[in-house]
Amino acid sequence: MGMPLELNTMIVTKGREERVEENLFLLEKSGYRLYPIDIPIDVRRTIESDSSGIAVIKKVEWQNNITIVTYQLIALNSTN
């Protein structure tokens, strides 16, 4: 039996991100997802929306069919 895995090249928050520190955020996503670490990537509220900013992923954790992403926002495009 295989493990379903999704490869993501942007962070889509859907408004569910949690601020940990000033520019550090935590996002919990369902399923197992793989993200590039230490490379600037786009942050969006939805897949179709404009970019909200640029972030660098610091940590990805998998457990119980959930992916927890810790990322640092390095550029903000909009305050909305």
C-alpha atoms as a PDB file:
ATOM      1  CA  MET A   1       0.000   0.000   0.000  1.00  0.00           C
ATOM      2  CA  GLY A   2       1.382   3.387  -0.998  1.00  0.00           C
ATOM      3  CA  MET A   3       1.334   6.667   0.855  1.00  0.00           C
ATOM      4  CA  PRO A   4      -0.506   9.508  -0.944  1.00  0.00           C
ATOM      5  CA  LEU A   5       1.796  12.529  -1.216  1.00  0.00           C
ATOM      6  CA  GLU A   6       1.179  15.949  -2.724  1.00  0.00           C
ATOM      7  CA  LEU A   7       4.004  18.219  -3.929  1.00  0.00           C
ATOM      8  CA  ASN A   8       3.268  21.924  -3.329  1.00  0.00           C
ATOM      9  CA  THR A   9       5.180  24.870  -4.777  1.00  0.00           C
ATOM     10  CA  MET A  10       3.179  27.594  -3.012  1.00  0.00           C
ATOM     11  CA  ILE A  11       1.555  28.053   0.380  1.00  0.00           C
ATOM     12  CA  VAL A  12      -2.247  28.331   0.222  1.00  0.00           C
ATOM     13  CA  THR A  13      -3.523  29.428   3.641  1.00  0.00           C
ATOM     14  CA  LYS A  14      -7.317  29.696   3.172  1.00  0.00           C
ATOM     15  CA  GLY A  15      -7.117  32.000   6.214  1.00  0.00           C
ATOM     16  CA  ARG A  16      -6.122  29.175   8.584  1.00  0.00           C
ATOM     17  CA  GLU A  17      -2.579  30.282   9.392  1.00  0.00           C
ATOM     18  CA  GLU A  18      -1.614  30.977  13.008  1.00  0.00           C
ATOM     19  CA  ARG A  19       0.975  33.574  13.964  1.00  0.00           C
ATOM     20  CA  VAL A  20       3.671  32.111  16.238  1.00  0.00           C
ATOM     21  CA  GLU A  21       5.983  35.130  16.334  1.00  0.00           C
ATOM     22  CA  GLU A  22       6.203  38.417  14.453  1.00  0.00           C
ATOM     23  CA  ASN A  23       6.867  36.944  10.981  1.00  0.00           C
ATOM     24  CA  LEU A  24       6.650  33.230  11.812  1.00  0.00           C
ATOM     25  CA  PHE A  25       3.448  31.321  11.017  1.00  0.00           C
ATOM     26  CA  LEU A  26       2.099  27.806  11.494  1.00  0.00           C
ATOM     27  CA  LEU A  27      -0.277  26.184   9.005  1.00  0.00           C
ATOM     28  CA  GLU A  28      -1.961  22.797   9.327  1.00  0.00           C
ATOM     29  CA  LYS A  29      -3.000  21.069   6.085  1.00  0.00           C
ATOM     30  CA  SER A  30      -4.815  17.765   5.628  1.00  0.00           C
ATOM     31  CA  GLY A  31      -2.912  14.919   3.977  1.00  0.00           C
ATOM     32  CA  TYR A  32       0.798  14.484   3.440  1.00  0.00           C
ATOM     33  CA  ARG A  33       2.335  17.397   1.545  1.00  0.00           C
ATOM     34  CA  LEU A  34       5.897  18.083   0.499  1.00  0.00           C
ATOM     35  CA  TYR A  35       7.184  21.680   0.291  1.00  0.00           C
ATOM     36  CA  PRO A  36      10.569  23.137  -0.695  1.00  0.00           C
ATOM     37  CA  ILE A  37      12.481  24.210   2.426  1.00  0.00           C
ATOM     38  CA  ASP A  38      14.652  27.366   2.644  1.00  0.00           C
ATOM     39  CA  ILE A  39      13.545  28.584  -0.812  1.00  0.00           C
ATOM     40  CA  PRO A  40      11.303  31.661  -1.204  1.00  0.00           C
ATOM     41  CA  ILE A  41       7.816  30.651  -2.391  1.00  0.00           C
ATOM     42  CA  ASP A  42       4.484  32.384  -2.979  1.00  0.00           C
ATOM     43  CA  VAL A  43       1.874  32.719  -0.215  1.00  0.00           C
ATOM     44  CA  ARG A  44      -1.756  32.993  -1.289  1.00  0.00           C
ATOM     45  CA  ARG A  45      -5.097  32.936   0.488  1.00  0.00           C
ATOM     46  CA  THR A  46      -6.596  30.736  -2.269  1.00  0.00           C
ATOM     47  CA  ILE A  47      -5.083  29.155  -5.371  1.00  0.00           C
ATOM     48  CA  GLU A  48      -6.852  31.691  -7.615  1.00  0.00           C
ATOM     49  CA  SER A  49      -6.061  34.795  -5.524  1.00  0.00           C
ATOM     50  CA  ASP A  50      -3.172  37.188  -6.028  1.00  0.00           C
ATOM     51  CA  SER A  51       0.013  36.646  -4.078  1.00  0.00           C
ATOM     52  CA  SER A  52      -0.134  37.854  -0.457  1.00  0.00           C
ATOM     53  CA  GLY A  53       3.619  37.685  -0.047  1.00  0.00           C
ATOM     54  CA  ILE A  54       6.741  35.561  -0.148  1.00  0.00           C
ATOM     55  CA  ALA A  55       7.748  33.097   2.576  1.00  0.00           C
ATOM     56  CA  VAL A  56      10.523  30.654   3.398  1.00  0.00           C
ATOM     57  CA  ILE A  57       9.458  27.334   4.903  1.00  0.00           C
ATOM     58  CA  LYS A  58      11.492  26.494   7.992  1.00  0.00           C
ATOM     59  CA  LYS A  59       9.938  23.160   9.013  1.00  0.00           C
ATOM     60  CA  VAL A  60       7.522  20.536   7.667  1.00  0.00           C
ATOM     61  CA  GLU A  61       6.050  17.887  10.003  1.00  0.00           C
ATOM     62  CA  TRP A  62       3.938  14.875   9.023  1.00  0.00           C
ATOM     63  CA  GLN A  63       1.777  12.913  11.429  1.00  0.00           C
ATOM     64  CA  ASN A  64      -1.634  11.216  11.387  1.00  0.00           C
ATOM     65  CA  ASN A  65      -2.373  12.274   7.772  1.00  0.00           C
ATOM     66  CA  ILE A  66      -1.710  15.952   8.603  1.00  0.00           C
ATOM     67  CA  THR A  67       1.087  18.234   7.442  1.00  0.00           C
ATOM     68  CA  ILE A  68       2.181  21.081   9.715  1.00  0.00           C
ATOM     69  CA  VAL A  69       4.154  23.814   7.952  1.00  0.00           C
ATOM     70  CA  THR A  70       6.166  26.450   9.806  1.00  0.00           C
ATOM     71  CA  TYR A  71       7.080  29.368   7.557  1.00  0.00           C
ATOM     72  CA  GLN A  72       8.628  32.812   7.848  1.00  0.00           C
ATOM     73  CA  LEU A  73       7.040  35.636   5.878  1.00  0.00           C
ATOM     74  CA  ILE A  74       9.852  37.623   4.227  1.00  0.00           C
ATOM     75  CA  ALA A  75       7.802  39.966   1.989  1.00  0.00           C
ATOM     76  CA  LEU A  76       4.207  41.184   2.278  1.00  0.00           C
ATOM     77  CA  ASN A  77       2.382  42.326  -0.871  1.00  0.00           C
ATOM     78  CA  SER A  78      -0.915  43.351   0.735  1.00  0.00           C
ATOM     79  CA  THR A  79      -2.249  44.003   4.205  1.00  0.00           C
ATOM     80  CA  ASN A  80      -5.637  42.435   3.348  1.00  0.00           C
END
